Amino acid sequence: LPALHVAGRMLGNFGDNLLRVLMVASLIGVTAGGLLVRPRIGLALARDGLGPAPLTRVSRLGTPYVALALQVAISVVLILSGSYVKLLELISFAMGVLGLFEIASYFVVRRKRPELPTSRLHPWAPLAFLIMSSALCVLSGWDHPSGVATSFAIVATISLVYAAARPRMISTDGVPVPPELPEARARAAGPRPDAET
């Protein structure tokens, strides 16, 4: 944690303690953001047929409680499995990869919806973030290959479990039926309790 070393050298114990407080405060915000956003990614994937159907369950208020419980369970297993430094290695690579997908989605939306307004920094700001996230992935993988291996092992395990457990729809003539388009599924389902979230 080089930031702690710099703070300790510049301001002594006060700087070290101050930065620790700021890091904890930052982690609270990151955790809250993760609890709000990440389960909804699982919910959206499941609704598009790319995840287990139970992840689509929401409470009366629109909370994706199954996806949230899955995220909490995975987090608890990770916390119990290793040290903070190992988790930091894992998270730094995972955040870089997630950043790549999130930034790439911007370009997909721009291509599919060109009528939407653009910012003054289009496309340079997204490209800068794309380069920074790519650099974070490369540096993290170079410094901590075990974090990269753990990330891919988690994704591979979840993918294998899903592939084994996913129900296959077969038509009467024995031909596999492709999953329904999300738009058609949403129209058939009617209003959803989480429509405003």
Foldseek 3Di string as FASTA:
>chain_A
DVCLVVLCVVPNPVRNVVVVVVVVVVVVVVVVVCLVPVLVVQLVCVLQVNHDVLQVDADLQGHSVVSSVVVVVVVVCVPVPDDPVLVVLLVQLVVLVVQLVVLVVVVVCCVVCVVDDDDPCPPPVSVVSNVVSVVSNVVSCVVCVVSVVVNVVVVVVRNVVRVVPPDWDADPVGHTDDDDGSVVVDVVVDDDSNVVD
